[in-house]
C-alpha atoms as a PDB file:
ATOM      1  CA  MET A   1      27.437   7.740  20.920  1.00  0.00           C
ATOM      2  CA  LYS A   2      24.325   5.878  22.059  1.00  0.00           C
ATOM      3  CA  ARG A   3      22.121   8.411  20.263  1.00  0.00           C
ATOM      4  CA  ILE A   4      24.043   8.021  16.996  1.00  0.00           C
ATOM      5  CA  LEU A   5      23.816   4.234  17.229  1.00  0.00           C
ATOM      6  CA  ASN A   6      20.084   4.478  17.940  1.00  0.00           C
ATOM      7  CA  HIS A   7      19.560   6.708  14.867  1.00  0.00           C
ATOM      8  CA  LEU A   8      21.650   4.341  12.746  1.00  0.00           C
ATOM      9  CA  ILE A   9      19.573   1.326  13.794  1.00  0.00           C
ATOM     10  CA  TRP A  10      16.294   3.160  13.085  1.00  0.00           C
ATOM     11  CA  GLY A  11      17.685   4.270   9.721  1.00  0.00           C
ATOM     12  CA  LEU A  12      18.570   0.693   8.802  1.00  0.00           C
ATOM     13  CA  ILE A  13      15.063  -0.432   9.766  1.00  0.00           C
ATOM     14  CA  ILE A  14      13.214   2.330   7.918  1.00  0.00           C
ATOM     15  CA  PHE A  15      15.417   2.473   4.790  1.00  0.00           C
ATOM     16  CA  PRO A  16      13.970  -0.661   3.084  1.00  0.00           C
ATOM     17  CA  PHE A  17      10.444   0.596   3.731  1.00  0.00           C
ATOM     18  CA  PHE A  18      11.331   3.991   2.287  1.00  0.00           C
ATOM     19  CA  ILE A  19      12.875   2.451  -0.841  1.00  0.00           C
ATOM     20  CA  SER A  20       9.835   0.203  -1.331  1.00  0.00           C
ATOM     21  CA  MET A  21       7.690   3.305  -1.906  1.00  0.00           C
ATOM     22  CA  PHE A  22       9.488   3.955  -5.175  1.00  0.00           C
ATOM     23  CA  CYS A  23       9.094   0.512  -6.731  1.00  0.00           C
ATOM     24  CA  LEU A  24       5.487  -0.465  -5.955  1.00  0.00           C
ATOM     25  CA  SER A  25       5.183  -2.158  -9.348  1.00  0.00           C
ATOM     26  CA  TYR A  26       7.341  -4.969  -7.958  1.00  0.00           C
ATOM     27  CA  PHE A  27       5.085  -7.201  -5.807  1.00  0.00           C
ATOM     28  CA  PRO A  28       7.554  -7.841  -2.925  1.00  0.00           C
ATOM     29  CA  CYS A  29       8.111  -4.086  -2.566  1.00  0.00           C
ATOM     30  CA  TRP A  30       4.355  -3.571  -2.566  1.00  0.00           C
ATOM     31  CA  LEU A  31       4.088  -6.053   0.323  1.00  0.00           C
ATOM     32  CA  LEU A  32       6.990  -4.388   2.151  1.00  0.00           C
ATOM     33  CA  PHE A  33       5.276  -1.025   1.841  1.00  0.00           C
ATOM     34  CA  GLY A  34       2.172  -2.652   3.343  1.00  0.00           C
ATOM     35  CA  LEU A  35       4.272  -3.711   6.332  1.00  0.00           C
ATOM     36  CA  TYR A  36       5.380  -0.095   6.655  1.00  0.00           C
ATOM     37  CA  ILE A  37       1.716   1.011   6.833  1.00  0.00           C
ATOM     38  CA  LEU A  38       1.013  -1.713   9.409  1.00  0.00           C
ATOM     39  CA  THR A  39       4.033  -0.668  11.489  1.00  0.00           C
ATOM     40  CA  ILE A  40       2.984   2.983  11.499  1.00  0.00           C
ATOM     41  CA  GLY A  41      -0.507   1.964  12.605  1.00  0.00           C
ATOM     42  CA  ILE A  42       0.737  -0.193  15.456  1.00  0.00           C
ATOM     43  CA  LEU A  43       3.277   2.396  16.618  1.00  0.00           C
ATOM     44  CA  SER A  44       0.581   5.086  16.557  1.00  0.00           C
ATOM     45  CA  ILE A  45      -1.658   3.008  18.795  1.00  0.00           C
ATOM     46  CA  PHE A  46       1.204   2.215  21.188  1.00  0.00           C
ATOM     47  CA  GLY A  47       2.177   5.900  21.108  1.00  0.00           C
ATOM     48  CA  THR A  48      -1.068   6.624  22.922  1.00  0.00           C
ATOM     49  CA  PHE A  49       0.239   4.764  25.958  1.00  0.00           C
ATOM     50  CA  SER A  50       3.708   6.297  25.933  1.00  0.00           C
ATOM     51  CA  LYS A  51       4.909   8.909  28.365  1.00  0.00           C
ATOM     52  CA  LEU A  52       2.903  11.858  27.092  1.00  0.00           C
ATOM     53  CA  GLU A  53       3.409  13.662  30.403  1.00  0.00           C
ATOM     54  CA  LYS A  54       6.546  15.121  28.816  1.00  0.00           C
ATOM     55  CA  ILE A  55       4.246  17.294  26.685  1.00  0.00           C
ATOM     56  CA  LYS A  56       3.720  20.387  28.815  1.00  0.00           C
ATOM     57  CA  ASN A  57       0.845  21.912  26.831  1.00  0.00           C
ATOM     58  CA  LYS A  58      -2.358  20.256  28.063  1.00  0.00           C
ATOM     59  CA  VAL A  59      -4.296  20.857  24.814  1.00  0.00           C
ATOM     60  CA  ARG A  60      -1.517  19.321  22.724  1.00  0.00           C
ATOM     61  CA  ARG A  61      -1.337  16.318  25.077  1.00  0.00           C
ATOM     62  CA  ILE A  62      -5.111  15.713  24.819  1.00  0.00           C
ATOM     63  CA  PHE A  63      -4.974  16.138  21.041  1.00  0.00           C
ATOM     64  CA  THR A  64      -2.127  13.611  20.862  1.00  0.00           C
ATOM     65  CA  ARG A  65      -4.045  11.115  23.013  1.00  0.00           C
ATOM     66  CA  ILE A  66      -7.019  11.390  20.645  1.00  0.00           C
ATOM     67  CA  ALA A  67      -5.180  11.638  17.316  1.00  0.00           C
ATOM     68  CA  PHE A  68      -2.734   8.743  17.788  1.00  0.00           C
ATOM     69  CA  PRO A  69      -5.374   6.002  18.155  1.00  0.00           C
ATOM     70  CA  ILE A  70      -7.460   7.434  15.298  1.00  0.00           C
ATOM     71  CA  VAL A  71      -4.440   7.449  12.973  1.00  0.00           C
ATOM     72  CA  GLY A  72      -3.384   3.984  14.168  1.00  0.00           C
ATOM     73  CA  ILE A  73      -6.799   2.405  13.683  1.00  0.00           C
ATOM     74  CA  GLY A  74      -7.143   4.120  10.304  1.00  0.00           C
ATOM     75  CA  MET A  75      -3.800   2.711   9.148  1.00  0.00           C
ATOM     76  CA  LEU A  76      -4.710  -0.788  10.372  1.00  0.00           C
ATOM     77  CA  VAL A  77      -8.060  -0.689   8.553  1.00  0.00           C
ATOM     78  CA  PHE A  78      -6.325   0.605   5.416  1.00  0.00           C
ATOM     79  CA  PHE A  79      -3.813  -2.245   5.670  1.00  0.00           C
ATOM     80  CA  CYS A  80      -6.564  -4.848   6.107  1.00  0.00           C
ATOM     81  CA  PHE A  81      -8.483  -3.734   3.033  1.00  0.00           C
ATOM     82  CA  VAL A  82      -5.596  -3.015   0.664  1.00  0.00           C
ATOM     83  CA  TRP A  83      -2.603  -5.148   1.664  1.00  0.00           C
ATOM     84  CA  ALA A  84      -3.915  -8.129   3.641  1.00  0.00           C
ATOM     85  CA  PRO A  85      -5.188  -9.958   0.508  1.00  0.00           C
ATOM     86  CA  GLY A  86      -1.714  -9.511  -0.977  1.00  0.00           C
ATOM     87  CA  TYR A  87      -0.210 -11.594   1.801  1.00  0.00           C
ATOM     88  CA  LEU A  88      -2.607 -14.407   0.877  1.00  0.00           C
ATOM     89  CA  ASP A  89      -1.131 -14.261  -2.638  1.00  0.00           C
ATOM     90  CA  ILE A  90       2.489 -14.850  -1.604  1.00  0.00           C
ATOM     91  CA  GLY A  91       2.195 -18.556  -2.493  1.00  0.00           C
ATOM     92  CA  ASN A  92       0.652 -17.718  -5.867  1.00  0.00           C
ATOM     93  CA  TYR A  93       3.411 -15.195  -6.539  1.00  0.00           C
ATOM     94  CA  MET A  94       6.154 -17.693  -5.699  1.00  0.00           C
ATOM     95  CA  THR A  95       4.632 -20.429  -7.890  1.00  0.00           C
ATOM     96  CA  LYS A  96       3.761 -17.903 -10.620  1.00  0.00           C
ATOM     97  CA  ASP A  97       0.092 -18.913 -10.426  1.00  0.00           C
ATOM     98  CA  TYR A  98      -1.304 -15.825 -12.150  1.00  0.00           C
ATOM     99  CA  ARG A  99      -4.660 -15.162 -13.819  1.00  0.00           C
ATOM    100  CA  THR A 100      -5.043 -13.315 -17.104  1.00  0.00           C
ATOM    101  CA  VAL A 101      -7.931 -11.211 -18.315  1.00  0.00           C
ATOM    102  CA  LYS A 102      -8.140  -9.603 -21.738  1.00  0.00           C
ATOM    103  CA  GLY A 103     -10.805  -7.183 -22.880  1.00  0.00           C
ATOM    104  CA  PHE A 104     -11.997  -3.630 -22.993  1.00  0.00           C
ATOM    105  CA  PRO A 105     -12.087  -1.895 -19.607  1.00  0.00           C
ATOM    106  CA  GLU A 106     -15.547  -1.228 -18.226  1.00  0.00           C
ATOM    107  CA  HIS A 107     -14.227   1.330 -15.765  1.00  0.00           C
ATOM    108  CA  ILE A 108     -10.836   2.912 -15.062  1.00  0.00           C
ATOM    109  CA  ASP A 109     -10.219   5.167 -12.066  1.00  0.00           C
ATOM    110  CA  HIS A 110      -8.351   8.362 -12.719  1.00  0.00           C
ATOM    111  CA  LEU A 111      -4.917   8.277 -11.110  1.00  0.00           C
ATOM    112  CA  SER A 112      -4.187  11.382  -9.072  1.00  0.00           C
ATOM    113  CA  SER A 113      -1.007  12.546  -7.411  1.00  0.00           C
ATOM    114  CA  ARG A 114      -2.355  11.330  -4.056  1.00  0.00           C
ATOM    115  CA  SER A 115      -3.309   7.784  -5.039  1.00  0.00           C
ATOM    116  CA  LEU A 116      -1.023   4.785  -5.203  1.00  0.00           C
ATOM    117  CA  PHE A 117      -3.222   2.592  -7.364  1.00  0.00           C
ATOM    118  CA  GLN A 118      -5.454   2.800 -10.374  1.00  0.00           C
ATOM    119  CA  GLY A 119      -8.599   0.716 -10.219  1.00  0.00           C
ATOM    120  CA  ILE A 120      -9.468  -1.132 -13.426  1.00  0.00           C
ATOM    121  CA  LYS A 121     -12.597  -3.175 -14.084  1.00  0.00           C
ATOM    122  CA  VAL A 122     -12.445  -5.676 -16.947  1.00  0.00           C
ATOM    123  CA  LYS A 123     -15.098  -8.377 -17.472  1.00  0.00           C
ATOM    124  CA  ASN A 124     -16.545  -7.726 -13.978  1.00  0.00           C
ATOM    125  CA  ILE A 125     -13.112  -8.218 -12.342  1.00  0.00           C
ATOM    126  CA  SER A 126     -11.896  -5.253 -10.284  1.00  0.00           C
ATOM    127  CA  LEU A 127      -8.108  -5.017 -10.435  1.00  0.00           C
ATOM    128  CA  ILE A 128      -5.562  -2.947  -8.506  1.00  0.00           C
ATOM    129  CA  SER A 129      -2.874  -1.582 -10.780  1.00  0.00           C
ATOM    130  CA  VAL A 130       0.216   0.441 -10.024  1.00  0.00           C
ATOM    131  CA  TYR A 131       0.691   0.852 -13.771  1.00  0.00           C
ATOM    132  CA  GLU A 132      -0.957   3.980 -15.092  1.00  0.00           C
ATOM    133  CA  ILE A 133      -3.204   3.766 -18.119  1.00  0.00           C
ATOM    134  CA  PRO A 134      -3.137   7.160 -19.855  1.00  0.00           C
ATOM    135  CA  GLU A 135      -6.522   8.766 -20.477  1.00  0.00           C
ATOM    136  CA  GLN A 136      -6.141   8.494 -24.258  1.00  0.00           C
ATOM    137  CA  ASP A 137      -5.887   4.679 -23.874  1.00  0.00           C
ATOM    138  CA  PHE A 138      -9.091   4.213 -21.834  1.00  0.00           C
ATOM    139  CA  ASP A 139     -10.962   2.881 -24.887  1.00  0.00           C
ATOM    140  CA  LYS A 140      -8.265   0.416 -25.957  1.00  0.00           C
ATOM    141  CA  GLU A 141      -8.159  -3.301 -25.255  1.00  0.00           C
ATOM    142  CA  ILE A 142      -5.967  -4.333 -22.320  1.00  0.00           C
ATOM    143  CA  GLU A 143      -4.490  -7.572 -21.078  1.00  0.00           C
ATOM    144  CA  ALA A 144      -3.795  -7.817 -17.371  1.00  0.00           C
ATOM    145  CA  VAL A 145      -1.869 -10.566 -15.614  1.00  0.00           C
ATOM    146  CA  TYR A 146      -2.881 -10.466 -11.949  1.00  0.00           C
ATOM    147  CA  LEU A 147      -2.791 -12.362  -8.670  1.00  0.00           C
ATOM    148  CA  PRO A 148      -6.061 -14.185  -7.880  1.00  0.00           C
ATOM    149  CA  ARG A 149      -6.842 -13.015  -4.323  1.00  0.00           C
ATOM    150  CA  SER A 150      -5.537  -9.472  -4.135  1.00  0.00           C
ATOM    151  CA  LYS A 151      -6.212  -8.693  -7.815  1.00  0.00           C
ATOM    152  CA  TYR A 152      -2.797  -7.000  -7.910  1.00  0.00           C
ATOM    153  CA  VAL A 153      -1.724  -6.476 -11.533  1.00  0.00           C
ATOM    154  CA  ILE A 154       1.684  -8.031 -12.218  1.00  0.00           C
ATOM    155  CA  LYS A 155       1.825  -7.100 -15.904  1.00  0.00           C
ATOM    156  CA  LEU A 156      -0.357  -4.826 -18.009  1.00  0.00           C
ATOM    157  CA  GLY A 157      -0.511  -4.616 -21.788  1.00  0.00           C
ATOM    158  CA  ILE A 158      -2.433  -2.091 -23.887  1.00  0.00           C
ATOM    159  CA  TYR A 159      -3.444  -3.086 -27.438  1.00  0.00           C
ATOM    160  CA  ARG A 160      -4.715  -1.279 -30.560  1.00  0.00           C
END
């Protein structure tokens, strides 16, 4: 019974993070997903100090002691560079203090199946967009409504 209750509690904790992965175009979900990345990083670092003596294979235990902190530090660095500016924009999001830029994109990153964001550069402003601009629209004028610190695109319009 205790095991079932433990699994239920973990499921209730992880479920909102899991759902946030599927609606990254909504800013609060994007921030929640960032918390998920931060949590994984912290748990990976603390996992280094857990009772790894239960692992009988010595090579696997050494690998775990090395891999956990590397993964944890990598996740924390990733969080700091991608999501931390978003938390500075919470006030701007609540007050709807957005910036708008309109023009032809100078550079657009190609969106692959492994990336979450598409980088867009318009008028020397580098933006982070979860909205995909199709390759045939790379030469068209765009209008992006974004948050000032994180450069997270709230709304994206493609013209002509």
